[in-house]
Amino acid sequence: MRGPAVKICGLTRAADRDAAIRAGASWLGFIFYPPSPRSLTPAAAGALVTNRPGAAEAVGVFVDPDDAWLDTVLASAQLDILQLHGKETPERVAAIRARTGRRVMKALAVADAADLDRHRAFVEVADLLLFDAKPPRTPGAIPGGNGLAFDWRLLAGQTIALPWLLAGGLDETNLSQAVGRTGATAVDVSSGVETAPGIKDPEAIARLLAVARDLQPITA
């Protein structure tokens, strides 16, 4: 029995990848969205994904990708899961899933109950869901990794038909509260273990995973 599974996202360096693996992360997130400071080229990602130690799964994060970009990335990086973090429709999610043969995680930006309810449209076409805070309304804002949280009470008592991850502003100081309020069995952390965008702190990763392990087992 254990607390929530953890995804460390926005990895750009082999040392940080290895720190996440050593600490016990279940998923490793690699971003393929050039406007993000954490974005990787397909070649760089291939070096990080290929021959990685351990059993953690590789997740590629995309924002409204076209087929050509997906093909280019997948030719270099053998990803286990495709995370779609844009405004993809259920039809587009289904098409990507069918075309690539990969499991798909659909991210949803949440600010209120209506945003949360949107997940129902993706239950039949995705394999996992991720609930993240809506990005700030500023020029150039990226869809994720902003260190912002949404109102966790929105998830309290909800029945979600797919496995799901909680994201948005999580770090070692608030993980226990976030899991306690939402019942999350899995979490996604990026900026909460960084010294700068894309530069992880191995000690912060280790501390966060230790907090996750010490949480009471999640049964909801």
C-alpha atoms as a PDB file:
ATOM      1  CA  MET A   1       0.000   0.000   0.000  1.00  0.00           C
ATOM      2  CA  ARG A   2       1.230   3.483  -0.782  1.00  0.00           C
ATOM      3  CA  GLY A   3       0.210   7.052  -1.317  1.00  0.00           C
ATOM      4  CA  PRO A   4      -0.294   8.673  -4.713  1.00  0.00           C
ATOM      5  CA  ALA A   5       1.753   7.747  -7.761  1.00  0.00           C
ATOM      6  CA  VAL A   6       3.870  10.642  -9.031  1.00  0.00           C
ATOM      7  CA  LYS A   7       4.668  12.025 -12.473  1.00  0.00           C
ATOM      8  CA  ILE A   8       7.656  14.345 -12.715  1.00  0.00           C
ATOM      9  CA  CYS A   9       7.067  16.508 -15.773  1.00  0.00           C
ATOM     10  CA  GLY A  10       9.160  18.886 -17.841  1.00  0.00           C
ATOM     11  CA  LEU A  11      12.361  16.855 -17.680  1.00  0.00           C
ATOM     12  CA  THR A  12      15.172  18.131 -19.896  1.00  0.00           C
ATOM     13  CA  ARG A  13      18.328  16.558 -18.445  1.00  0.00           C
ATOM     14  CA  ALA A  14      19.452  12.963 -17.944  1.00  0.00           C
ATOM     15  CA  ALA A  15      20.523  13.688 -14.366  1.00  0.00           C
ATOM     16  CA  ASP A  16      17.035  14.919 -13.501  1.00  0.00           C
ATOM     17  CA  ARG A  17      15.430  11.952 -15.237  1.00  0.00           C
ATOM     18  CA  ASP A  18      17.614   9.608 -13.211  1.00  0.00           C
ATOM     19  CA  ALA A  19      16.801  11.468  -9.984  1.00  0.00           C
ATOM     20  CA  ALA A  20      13.086  11.009 -10.665  1.00  0.00           C
ATOM     21  CA  ILE A  21      13.595   7.313 -11.353  1.00  0.00           C
ATOM     22  CA  ARG A  22      15.688   6.800  -8.205  1.00  0.00           C
ATOM     23  CA  ALA A  23      13.073   8.564  -6.114  1.00  0.00           C
ATOM     24  CA  GLY A  24      10.337   6.264  -7.404  1.00  0.00           C
ATOM     25  CA  ALA A  25       8.393   8.314  -9.956  1.00  0.00           C
ATOM     26  CA  SER A  26       5.845   6.305 -11.928  1.00  0.00           C
ATOM     27  CA  TRP A  27       5.908   8.562 -14.999  1.00  0.00           C
ATOM     28  CA  LEU A  28       8.499  10.818 -16.631  1.00  0.00           C
ATOM     29  CA  GLY A  29       7.129  13.772 -18.583  1.00  0.00           C
ATOM     30  CA  PHE A  30       8.831  15.224 -21.666  1.00  0.00           C
ATOM     31  CA  ILE A  31       7.403  18.308 -23.349  1.00  0.00           C
ATOM     32  CA  PHE A  32       7.101  18.770 -27.109  1.00  0.00           C
ATOM     33  CA  TYR A  33       5.689  22.273 -27.320  1.00  0.00           C
ATOM     34  CA  PRO A  34       8.294  24.782 -28.563  1.00  0.00           C
ATOM     35  CA  PRO A  35       6.834  27.839 -26.766  1.00  0.00           C
ATOM     36  CA  SER A  36       7.529  26.117 -23.436  1.00  0.00           C
ATOM     37  CA  PRO A  37      10.940  26.688 -21.811  1.00  0.00           C
ATOM     38  CA  ARG A  38      10.872  22.971 -20.980  1.00  0.00           C
ATOM     39  CA  SER A  39      10.362  21.855 -24.582  1.00  0.00           C
ATOM     40  CA  LEU A  40      12.655  19.261 -26.143  1.00  0.00           C
ATOM     41  CA  THR A  41      13.650  18.498 -29.696  1.00  0.00           C
ATOM     42  CA  PRO A  42      12.771  14.983 -30.820  1.00  0.00           C
ATOM     43  CA  ALA A  43      16.459  14.053 -30.910  1.00  0.00           C
ATOM     44  CA  ALA A  44      17.097  15.298 -27.380  1.00  0.00           C
ATOM     45  CA  ALA A  45      14.040  13.483 -26.115  1.00  0.00           C
ATOM     46  CA  GLY A  46      15.100  10.295 -27.843  1.00  0.00           C
ATOM     47  CA  ALA A  47      18.342  10.298 -25.886  1.00  0.00           C
ATOM     48  CA  LEU A  48      16.443  10.767 -22.621  1.00  0.00           C
ATOM     49  CA  VAL A  49      13.754   8.191 -23.325  1.00  0.00           C
ATOM     50  CA  THR A  50      15.850   5.432 -24.884  1.00  0.00           C
ATOM     51  CA  ASN A  51      17.603   2.988 -22.555  1.00  0.00           C
ATOM     52  CA  ARG A  52      16.400   4.754 -19.433  1.00  0.00           C
ATOM     53  CA  PRO A  53      16.774   2.664 -16.281  1.00  0.00           C
ATOM     54  CA  GLY A  54      13.817   1.424 -14.285  1.00  0.00           C
ATOM     55  CA  ALA A  55      10.178   0.919 -15.120  1.00  0.00           C
ATOM     56  CA  ALA A  56       8.837   4.493 -15.105  1.00  0.00           C
ATOM     57  CA  GLU A  57       6.770   5.216 -18.207  1.00  0.00           C
ATOM     58  CA  ALA A  58       7.650   7.986 -20.653  1.00  0.00           C
ATOM     59  CA  VAL A  59       4.911  10.554 -21.257  1.00  0.00           C
ATOM     60  CA  GLY A  60       5.100  12.987 -24.158  1.00  0.00           C
ATOM     61  CA  VAL A  61       3.267  16.262 -23.598  1.00  0.00           C
ATOM     62  CA  PHE A  62       1.772  17.901 -26.696  1.00  0.00           C
ATOM     63  CA  VAL A  63      -0.441  20.930 -27.282  1.00  0.00           C
ATOM     64  CA  ASP A  64      -2.809  20.611 -30.243  1.00  0.00           C
ATOM     65  CA  PRO A  65      -0.274  18.602 -32.286  1.00  0.00           C
ATOM     66  CA  ASP A  66      -0.759  17.785 -35.933  1.00  0.00           C
ATOM     67  CA  ASP A  67      -0.035  14.319 -37.275  1.00  0.00           C
ATOM     68  CA  ALA A  68       3.303  15.357 -38.766  1.00  0.00           C
ATOM     69  CA  TRP A  69       4.636  16.559 -35.409  1.00  0.00           C
ATOM     70  CA  LEU A  70       3.468  13.412 -33.651  1.00  0.00           C
ATOM     71  CA  ASP A  71       5.132  11.272 -36.317  1.00  0.00           C
ATOM     72  CA  THR A  72       8.387  13.214 -36.036  1.00  0.00           C
ATOM     73  CA  VAL A  73       8.547  12.888 -32.268  1.00  0.00           C
ATOM     74  CA  LEU A  74       7.532   9.234 -32.166  1.00  0.00           C
ATOM     75  CA  ALA A  75      10.172   8.373 -34.754  1.00  0.00           C
ATOM     76  CA  SER A  76      12.837   9.496 -32.261  1.00  0.00           C
ATOM     77  CA  ALA A  77      11.285   8.922 -28.835  1.00  0.00           C
ATOM     78  CA  GLN A  78       9.480   5.726 -27.902  1.00  0.00           C
ATOM     79  CA  LEU A  79       6.796   7.226 -25.702  1.00  0.00           C
ATOM     80  CA  ASP A  80       4.393   5.101 -23.691  1.00  0.00           C
ATOM     81  CA  ILE A  81       1.680   7.734 -23.233  1.00  0.00           C
ATOM     82  CA  LEU A  82       0.713  10.866 -25.175  1.00  0.00           C
ATOM     83  CA  GLN A  83      -0.534  13.709 -22.980  1.00  0.00           C
ATOM     84  CA  LEU A  84      -2.712  16.163 -24.892  1.00  0.00           C
ATOM     85  CA  HIS A  85      -2.651  19.495 -23.098  1.00  0.00           C
ATOM     86  CA  GLY A  86      -4.376  21.764 -25.595  1.00  0.00           C
ATOM     87  CA  LYS A  87      -7.905  22.281 -26.871  1.00  0.00           C
ATOM     88  CA  GLU A  88      -8.156  18.889 -28.536  1.00  0.00           C
ATOM     89  CA  THR A  89     -11.723  17.736 -29.145  1.00  0.00           C
ATOM     90  CA  PRO A  90     -12.900  14.251 -28.205  1.00  0.00           C
ATOM     91  CA  GLU A  91     -12.813  13.389 -31.908  1.00  0.00           C
ATOM     92  CA  ARG A  92      -9.192  14.500 -32.210  1.00  0.00           C
ATOM     93  CA  VAL A  93      -8.206  12.592 -29.080  1.00  0.00           C
ATOM     94  CA  ALA A  94      -9.801   9.448 -30.476  1.00  0.00           C
ATOM     95  CA  ALA A  95      -8.048   9.920 -33.811  1.00  0.00           C
ATOM     96  CA  ILE A  96      -4.622  10.343 -32.194  1.00  0.00           C
ATOM     97  CA  ARG A  97      -5.162   7.311 -30.028  1.00  0.00           C
ATOM     98  CA  ALA A  98      -6.184   5.167 -32.996  1.00  0.00           C
ATOM     99  CA  ARG A  99      -3.465   6.447 -35.315  1.00  0.00           C
ATOM    100  CA  THR A 100      -0.525   6.124 -32.936  1.00  0.00           C
ATOM    101  CA  GLY A 101      -1.579   3.083 -30.943  1.00  0.00           C
ATOM    102  CA  ARG A 102      -0.443   4.868 -27.785  1.00  0.00           C
ATOM    103  CA  ARG A 103      -2.391   5.396 -24.606  1.00  0.00           C
ATOM    104  CA  VAL A 104      -3.659   8.956 -24.351  1.00  0.00           C
ATOM    105  CA  MET A 105      -3.915  11.227 -21.329  1.00  0.00           C
ATOM    106  CA  LYS A 106      -6.214  14.222 -21.878  1.00  0.00           C
ATOM    107  CA  ALA A 107      -5.446  17.272 -19.775  1.00  0.00           C
ATOM    108  CA  LEU A 108      -8.274  19.610 -18.810  1.00  0.00           C
ATOM    109  CA  ALA A 109      -7.824  23.162 -17.552  1.00  0.00           C
ATOM    110  CA  VAL A 110     -10.002  23.740 -14.494  1.00  0.00           C
ATOM    111  CA  ALA A 111     -11.232  26.921 -12.843  1.00  0.00           C
ATOM    112  CA  ASP A 112     -14.815  26.003 -11.950  1.00  0.00           C
ATOM    113  CA  ALA A 113     -17.273  23.109 -11.833  1.00  0.00           C
ATOM    114  CA  ALA A 114     -18.234  23.526 -15.483  1.00  0.00           C
ATOM    115  CA  ASP A 115     -14.614  23.014 -16.508  1.00  0.00           C
ATOM    116  CA  LEU A 116     -14.453  19.843 -14.464  1.00  0.00           C
ATOM    117  CA  ASP A 117     -17.631  18.507 -16.051  1.00  0.00           C
ATOM    118  CA  ARG A 118     -15.968  18.660 -19.474  1.00  0.00           C
ATOM    119  CA  HIS A 119     -14.086  15.479 -18.618  1.00  0.00           C
ATOM    120  CA  ARG A 120     -17.187  13.401 -19.350  1.00  0.00           C
ATOM    121  CA  ALA A 121     -16.790  13.985 -23.082  1.00  0.00           C
ATOM    122  CA  PHE A 122     -13.409  12.243 -23.024  1.00  0.00           C
ATOM    123  CA  VAL A 123     -14.222   9.143 -20.991  1.00  0.00           C
ATOM    124  CA  GLU A 124     -14.719   6.952 -24.065  1.00  0.00           C
ATOM    125  CA  VAL A 125     -11.734   8.245 -26.059  1.00  0.00           C
ATOM    126  CA  ALA A 126      -8.895   8.677 -23.535  1.00  0.00           C
ATOM    127  CA  ASP A 127      -7.095   6.280 -21.213  1.00  0.00           C
ATOM    128  CA  LEU A 128      -6.288   8.757 -18.462  1.00  0.00           C
ATOM    129  CA  LEU A 129      -7.280  12.290 -17.480  1.00  0.00           C
ATOM    130  CA  LEU A 130      -5.288  15.105 -15.918  1.00  0.00           C
ATOM    131  CA  PHE A 131      -6.818  18.076 -14.120  1.00  0.00           C
ATOM    132  CA  ASP A 132      -4.660  21.211 -14.149  1.00  0.00           C
ATOM    133  CA  ALA A 133      -5.234  24.859 -13.316  1.00  0.00           C
ATOM    134  CA  LYS A 134      -6.178  27.225 -16.108  1.00  0.00           C
ATOM    135  CA  PRO A 135      -3.150  29.253 -17.245  1.00  0.00           C
ATOM    136  CA  PRO A 136      -2.903  32.951 -16.426  1.00  0.00           C
ATOM    137  CA  ARG A 137      -4.502  35.379 -18.859  1.00  0.00           C
ATOM    138  CA  THR A 138      -1.218  36.938 -19.900  1.00  0.00           C
ATOM    139  CA  PRO A 139       0.429  37.120 -23.332  1.00  0.00           C
ATOM    140  CA  GLY A 140       2.544  34.064 -24.032  1.00  0.00           C
ATOM    141  CA  ALA A 141       1.182  32.018 -21.134  1.00  0.00           C
ATOM    142  CA  ILE A 142       1.734  28.296 -21.627  1.00  0.00           C
ATOM    143  CA  PRO A 143      -0.938  25.686 -20.846  1.00  0.00           C
ATOM    144  CA  GLY A 144       0.870  24.050 -17.913  1.00  0.00           C
ATOM    145  CA  GLY A 145       3.838  24.259 -15.581  1.00  0.00           C
ATOM    146  CA  ASN A 146       2.781  27.658 -14.253  1.00  0.00           C
ATOM    147  CA  GLY A 147       2.843  26.798 -10.562  1.00  0.00           C
ATOM    148  CA  LEU A 148      -0.855  27.620 -10.192  1.00  0.00           C
ATOM    149  CA  ALA A 149      -3.448  25.556  -8.327  1.00  0.00           C
ATOM    150  CA  PHE A 150      -7.203  25.440  -8.770  1.00  0.00           C
ATOM    151  CA  ASP A 151      -9.820  24.951  -6.064  1.00  0.00           C
ATOM    152  CA  TRP A 152      -9.230  21.334  -5.027  1.00  0.00           C
ATOM    153  CA  ARG A 153     -12.663  21.205  -3.400  1.00  0.00           C
ATOM    154  CA  LEU A 154     -14.133  20.887  -6.896  1.00  0.00           C
ATOM    155  CA  LEU A 155     -12.862  17.300  -7.017  1.00  0.00           C
ATOM    156  CA  ALA A 156     -14.042  16.300  -3.557  1.00  0.00           C
ATOM    157  CA  GLY A 157     -16.525  13.447  -3.766  1.00  0.00           C
ATOM    158  CA  GLN A 158     -16.421  13.305  -7.563  1.00  0.00           C
ATOM    159  CA  THR A 159     -16.646   9.978  -9.372  1.00  0.00           C
ATOM    160  CA  ILE A 160     -14.290  10.030 -12.354  1.00  0.00           C
ATOM    161  CA  ALA A 161     -14.701   7.089 -14.718  1.00  0.00           C
ATOM    162  CA  LEU A 162     -11.028   7.021 -15.779  1.00  0.00           C
ATOM    163  CA  PRO A 163      -7.757   7.010 -13.839  1.00  0.00           C
ATOM    164  CA  TRP A 164      -6.749  10.630 -13.295  1.00  0.00           C
ATOM    165  CA  LEU A 165      -3.895  12.816 -12.126  1.00  0.00           C
ATOM    166  CA  LEU A 166      -4.009  16.067 -10.177  1.00  0.00           C
ATOM    167  CA  ALA A 167      -1.707  18.846 -11.386  1.00  0.00           C
ATOM    168  CA  GLY A 168      -1.173  22.530 -10.760  1.00  0.00           C
ATOM    169  CA  GLY A 169       1.079  24.191  -8.209  1.00  0.00           C
ATOM    170  CA  LEU A 170       1.962  21.029  -6.317  1.00  0.00           C
ATOM    171  CA  ASP A 171       5.106  20.707  -4.225  1.00  0.00           C
ATOM    172  CA  GLU A 172       6.278  18.998  -1.059  1.00  0.00           C
ATOM    173  CA  THR A 173       4.574  21.590   1.163  1.00  0.00           C
ATOM    174  CA  ASN A 174       1.025  21.180  -0.145  1.00  0.00           C
ATOM    175  CA  LEU A 175       0.939  17.631  -1.516  1.00  0.00           C
ATOM    176  CA  SER A 176      -0.648  16.151   1.590  1.00  0.00           C
ATOM    177  CA  GLN A 177      -3.401  18.775   1.646  1.00  0.00           C
ATOM    178  CA  ALA A 178      -4.060  18.401  -2.086  1.00  0.00           C
ATOM    179  CA  VAL A 179      -4.393  14.635  -1.894  1.00  0.00           C
ATOM    180  CA  GLY A 180      -6.501  14.837   1.240  1.00  0.00           C
ATOM    181  CA  ARG A 181      -8.974  17.254  -0.332  1.00  0.00           C
ATOM    182  CA  THR A 182      -9.263  15.576  -3.721  1.00  0.00           C
ATOM    183  CA  GLY A 183      -8.676  11.884  -3.080  1.00  0.00           C
ATOM    184  CA  ALA A 184      -6.128  11.897  -5.908  1.00  0.00           C
ATOM    185  CA  THR A 185      -4.355   8.595  -6.445  1.00  0.00           C
ATOM    186  CA  ALA A 186      -1.819  10.175  -8.797  1.00  0.00           C
ATOM    187  CA  VAL A 187      -0.214  13.615  -9.077  1.00  0.00           C
ATOM    188  CA  ASP A 188       1.805  15.551 -11.648  1.00  0.00           C
ATOM    189  CA  VAL A 189       4.588  17.899 -10.522  1.00  0.00           C
ATOM    190  CA  SER A 190       6.791  20.168 -12.619  1.00  0.00           C
ATOM    191  CA  SER A 191       7.630  23.635 -11.298  1.00  0.00           C
ATOM    192  CA  GLY A 192       7.335  22.404  -7.704  1.00  0.00           C
ATOM    193  CA  VAL A 193      10.671  20.573  -7.992  1.00  0.00           C
ATOM    194  CA  GLU A 194      12.574  23.122 -10.103  1.00  0.00           C
ATOM    195  CA  THR A 195      15.207  25.780  -9.587  1.00  0.00           C
ATOM    196  CA  ALA A 196      14.369  27.216 -13.039  1.00  0.00           C
ATOM    197  CA  PRO A 197      12.042  26.090 -15.841  1.00  0.00           C
ATOM    198  CA  GLY A 198      13.290  22.701 -17.008  1.00  0.00           C
ATOM    199  CA  ILE A 199      16.031  22.531 -14.369  1.00  0.00           C
ATOM    200  CA  LYS A 200      15.002  20.127 -11.645  1.00  0.00           C
ATOM    201  CA  ASP A 201      16.356  19.939  -8.110  1.00  0.00           C
ATOM    202  CA  PRO A 202      17.161  16.269  -7.386  1.00  0.00           C
ATOM    203  CA  GLU A 203      16.819  16.844  -3.644  1.00  0.00           C
ATOM    204  CA  ALA A 204      13.391  18.430  -4.090  1.00  0.00           C
ATOM    205  CA  ILE A 205      12.330  15.463  -6.224  1.00  0.00           C
ATOM    206  CA  ALA A 206      13.481  13.051  -3.524  1.00  0.00           C
ATOM    207  CA  ARG A 207      11.688  15.003  -0.789  1.00  0.00           C
ATOM    208  CA  LEU A 208       8.442  15.174  -2.752  1.00  0.00           C
ATOM    209  CA  LEU A 209       8.443  11.445  -3.474  1.00  0.00           C
ATOM    210  CA  ALA A 210       9.182  10.780   0.196  1.00  0.00           C
ATOM    211  CA  VAL A 211       6.158  12.869   1.173  1.00  0.00           C
ATOM    212  CA  ALA A 212       4.040  10.942  -1.327  1.00  0.00           C
ATOM    213  CA  ARG A 213       5.167   7.593   0.058  1.00  0.00           C
ATOM    214  CA  ASP A 214       4.419   8.656   3.622  1.00  0.00           C
ATOM    215  CA  LEU A 215       0.843   9.707   2.872  1.00  0.00           C
ATOM    216  CA  GLN A 216      -1.920   7.397   4.008  1.00  0.00           C
ATOM    217  CA  PRO A 217      -2.929   4.913   1.300  1.00  0.00           C
ATOM    218  CA  ILE A 218      -5.564   6.324  -1.011  1.00  0.00           C
ATOM    219  CA  THR A 219      -8.643   4.136  -1.271  1.00  0.00           C
ATOM    220  CA  ALA A 220     -11.147   6.498  -2.928  1.00  0.00           C
END
